[in-house]
Protein backbone atom coordinates (compact mmCIF):
# COMPACT_ATOMS: atom_id res chain seq x y z
CA MET A 1 -0.14 -0.16 0.03
CA GLN A 2 1.37 3.72 -0.43
CA GLU A 3 2.32 5.78 2.03
CA SER A 4 -0.16 8.30 2.67
CA LEU A 5 0.84 11.79 3.63
CA THR A 6 0.25 14.40 6.61
CA ILE A 7 -1.37 17.71 5.63
CA GLY A 8 2.05 19.00 7.14
CA GLN A 9 3.99 16.99 4.20
CA LEU A 10 1.59 17.60 1.88
CA ALA A 11 1.85 21.45 2.13
CA ALA A 12 5.67 21.80 2.46
CA ARG A 13 5.55 18.84 -0.99
CA SER A 14 2.80 20.90 -2.52
CA GLY A 15 3.74 24.83 -1.70
CA VAL A 16 0.28 25.01 -0.72
CA ALA A 17 -0.35 26.29 3.04
CA ALA A 18 -2.47 23.63 4.83
CA SER A 19 -4.97 26.08 5.23
CA ALA A 20 -5.67 26.32 1.72
CA LEU A 21 -5.43 22.77 1.08
CA ARG A 22 -7.87 22.07 3.84
CA TYR A 23 -10.28 24.94 2.07
CA TYR A 24 -9.53 22.93 -1.54
CA GLU A 25 -11.13 19.61 0.89
CA ARG A 26 -13.68 21.36 1.93
CA LEU A 27 -14.72 22.26 -1.73
CA GLY A 28 -13.97 18.90 -3.32
CA LEU A 29 -10.78 19.62 -4.69
CA ILE A 30 -8.34 16.84 -3.40
CA ARG A 31 -9.86 14.13 -1.02
CA ALA A 32 -8.31 12.84 2.62
CA ASP A 33 -8.87 9.90 4.80
CA ARG A 34 -9.23 10.18 7.89
CA THR A 35 -7.14 8.27 10.84
CA SER A 36 -8.73 6.74 14.09
CA GLY A 37 -7.67 10.24 15.75
CA ASN A 38 -9.59 12.33 12.93
CA GLN A 39 -6.28 12.99 11.64
CA ARG A 40 -6.12 14.15 7.44
CA ARG A 41 -4.27 11.90 5.61
CA TYR A 42 -3.37 12.06 1.94
CA ALA A 43 -2.73 9.56 -0.98
CA ARG A 44 0.40 10.63 -2.98
CA THR A 45 -2.02 11.09 -6.19
CA GLU A 46 -3.22 14.16 -4.23
CA LEU A 47 -0.20 16.14 -5.44
CA ARG A 48 -1.06 16.18 -8.75
CA ARG A 49 -4.32 17.48 -7.95
CA VAL A 50 -3.11 20.01 -5.79
CA ALA A 51 -0.55 21.28 -8.70
CA PHE A 52 -3.15 20.75 -10.73
CA VAL A 53 -5.89 23.34 -9.01
CA ARG A 54 -2.25 25.94 -8.47
CA ILE A 55 -1.67 26.07 -12.06
CA SER A 56 -5.47 26.35 -13.27
CA GLN A 57 -5.99 29.38 -10.70
CA GLN A 58 -2.86 30.98 -11.81
CA VAL A 59 -4.38 31.08 -15.37
CA GLY A 60 -7.45 32.67 -14.42
CA ILE A 61 -9.71 29.09 -13.86
CA SER A 62 -12.19 29.68 -11.46
CA LEU A 63 -12.13 27.05 -8.69
CA GLU A 64 -15.74 26.03 -9.26
CA GLU A 65 -14.67 24.87 -12.74
CA ILE A 66 -11.51 23.65 -11.50
CA ARG A 67 -13.81 21.10 -9.36
CA ASP A 68 -16.35 20.42 -12.32
CA ALA A 69 -12.77 18.88 -14.28
CA LEU A 70 -11.26 17.18 -11.43
CA ASP A 71 -15.18 15.23 -10.88
CA SER A 72 -14.84 14.25 -14.61
CA LEU A 73 -11.49 12.21 -13.18
CA PRO A 74 -12.24 8.78 -12.03
CA ALA A 75 -12.43 8.84 -8.28
CA SER A 76 -12.23 4.80 -7.82
CA ARG A 77 -8.73 4.88 -9.30
CA THR A 78 -5.45 6.99 -9.56
CA PRO A 79 -5.88 8.90 -13.29
CA THR A 80 -3.96 7.98 -16.18
CA ALA A 81 -2.36 9.81 -18.43
CA ALA A 82 -5.10 8.85 -20.67
CA ASP A 83 -7.77 10.55 -17.79
CA TRP A 84 -5.71 14.01 -17.77
CA THR A 85 -5.30 14.22 -21.35
CA GLU A 86 -9.03 13.72 -22.25
CA LEU A 87 -9.66 16.56 -19.16
CA SER A 88 -6.84 18.78 -21.24
CA THR A 89 -8.29 18.00 -24.47
CA ALA A 90 -11.83 19.39 -23.15
CA TRP A 91 -9.88 22.90 -21.70
CA ARG A 92 -7.49 23.17 -25.37
CA ALA A 93 -9.93 25.96 -27.17
CA ARG A 94 -10.42 27.68 -23.73
CA LEU A 95 -6.69 28.02 -22.84
CA SER A 96 -5.96 28.93 -26.23
CA GLU A 97 -8.34 31.82 -26.12
CA LYS A 98 -6.94 32.92 -22.87
CA ILE A 99 -3.79 32.72 -24.28
CA ARG A 100 -4.80 34.83 -27.68
CA LEU A 101 -6.31 37.44 -25.19
CA MET A 102 -3.61 37.16 -22.92
CA THR A 103 -0.86 38.11 -25.96
CA LYS A 104 -3.45 40.67 -27.36
CA LEU A 105 -3.29 42.62 -24.05
CA ARG A 106 0.39 42.14 -23.51
CA ASP A 107 0.82 43.65 -27.01
CA ASP A 108 -1.79 46.53 -26.71
CA LEU A 109 -0.16 47.40 -23.80
CA ASP A 110 2.94 47.52 -25.19
CA ALA A 111 1.69 49.94 -28.08
CA CYS A 112 0.23 52.09 -25.55
CA ILE A 113 2.88 52.73 -23.74
CA GLY A 114 5.04 53.37 -27.43
CA CYS A 115 2.22 56.15 -28.27
CA GLY A 116 1.53 57.60 -24.46
CA CYS A 117 -2.03 57.14 -25.23
CA LEU A 118 -1.54 60.64 -26.84
CA SER A 119 -4.12 59.20 -29.91
CA LEU A 120 -6.77 56.75 -29.13
CA GLN A 121 -7.91 56.17 -32.76
CA ARG A 122 -6.31 52.63 -32.79
CA CYS A 123 -7.05 52.19 -29.02
CA THR A 124 -8.73 48.31 -28.40
CA LEU A 125 -9.30 49.95 -24.63
CA SER A 126 -11.09 52.70 -25.41
CA ASN A 127 -14.76 53.16 -26.00
CA LEU A 128 -15.18 57.01 -26.67
CA GLU A 129 -18.19 58.09 -25.54
CA ASP A 130 -19.41 54.58 -24.26
CA LYS A 131 -20.29 53.61 -28.29
CA LEU A 132 -19.81 50.21 -28.28
CA SER A 133 -22.45 49.62 -24.82
CA GLY A 134 -25.10 48.46 -27.14
CA GLU A 135 -23.15 45.53 -28.54
CA GLY A 136 -22.68 44.20 -25.05
CA PRO A 137 -20.50 44.57 -21.59
CA GLY A 138 -16.20 44.43 -21.72
CA ALA A 139 -13.54 45.13 -23.86
CA ARG A 140 -15.58 44.94 -27.30
CA LEU A 141 -12.65 45.82 -29.50
CA MET A 142 -10.54 43.16 -27.61
CA LEU A 143 -12.87 40.28 -27.20
CA SER A 144 -13.63 37.27 -29.99
CA PRO A 145 -16.67 37.36 -32.01
CA ALA A 146 -18.18 34.62 -29.86
CA GLU A 147 -17.37 36.87 -27.41
CA GLN A 148 -18.77 39.63 -28.60
CA ALA A 149 -22.33 37.98 -28.92
CA PRO A 150 -24.67 39.28 -27.12
CA PRO A 151 -25.40 37.39 -23.69
CA ALA A 152 -28.53 34.74 -24.16
CA GLY A 153 -31.59 35.27 -22.19
């Protein structure tokens, strides 16, 4: 049987505070077994889940979406490479769009710094006199056509 980790060991190995690990457990992002003394014990495979949670958060994915993704992994066994590939395939388009938006923002901010914002004729962040408000919320000039569609409802 695989040796389990205490919460302190998981915190040290993952670089995540024990309080955050308890929070992740409450949200169902990670799982712990309990000893007869009610102490948490984590399977070593939880290290992978914690790493996935942390990196997903860092790219702007909500904890709810992360939990939904993790719920798609098998609970009865350690996820295989194929399980993780299936999960990543489901996120591929979304992550690609995030990368596109971050690249566009980075490049547009570089241009703003270069021009000093003296001319707003080409600025993708400017919306003079709120002319684009009828098209929906957000940075309309930066969003993809799918994101520019008016909200359903």
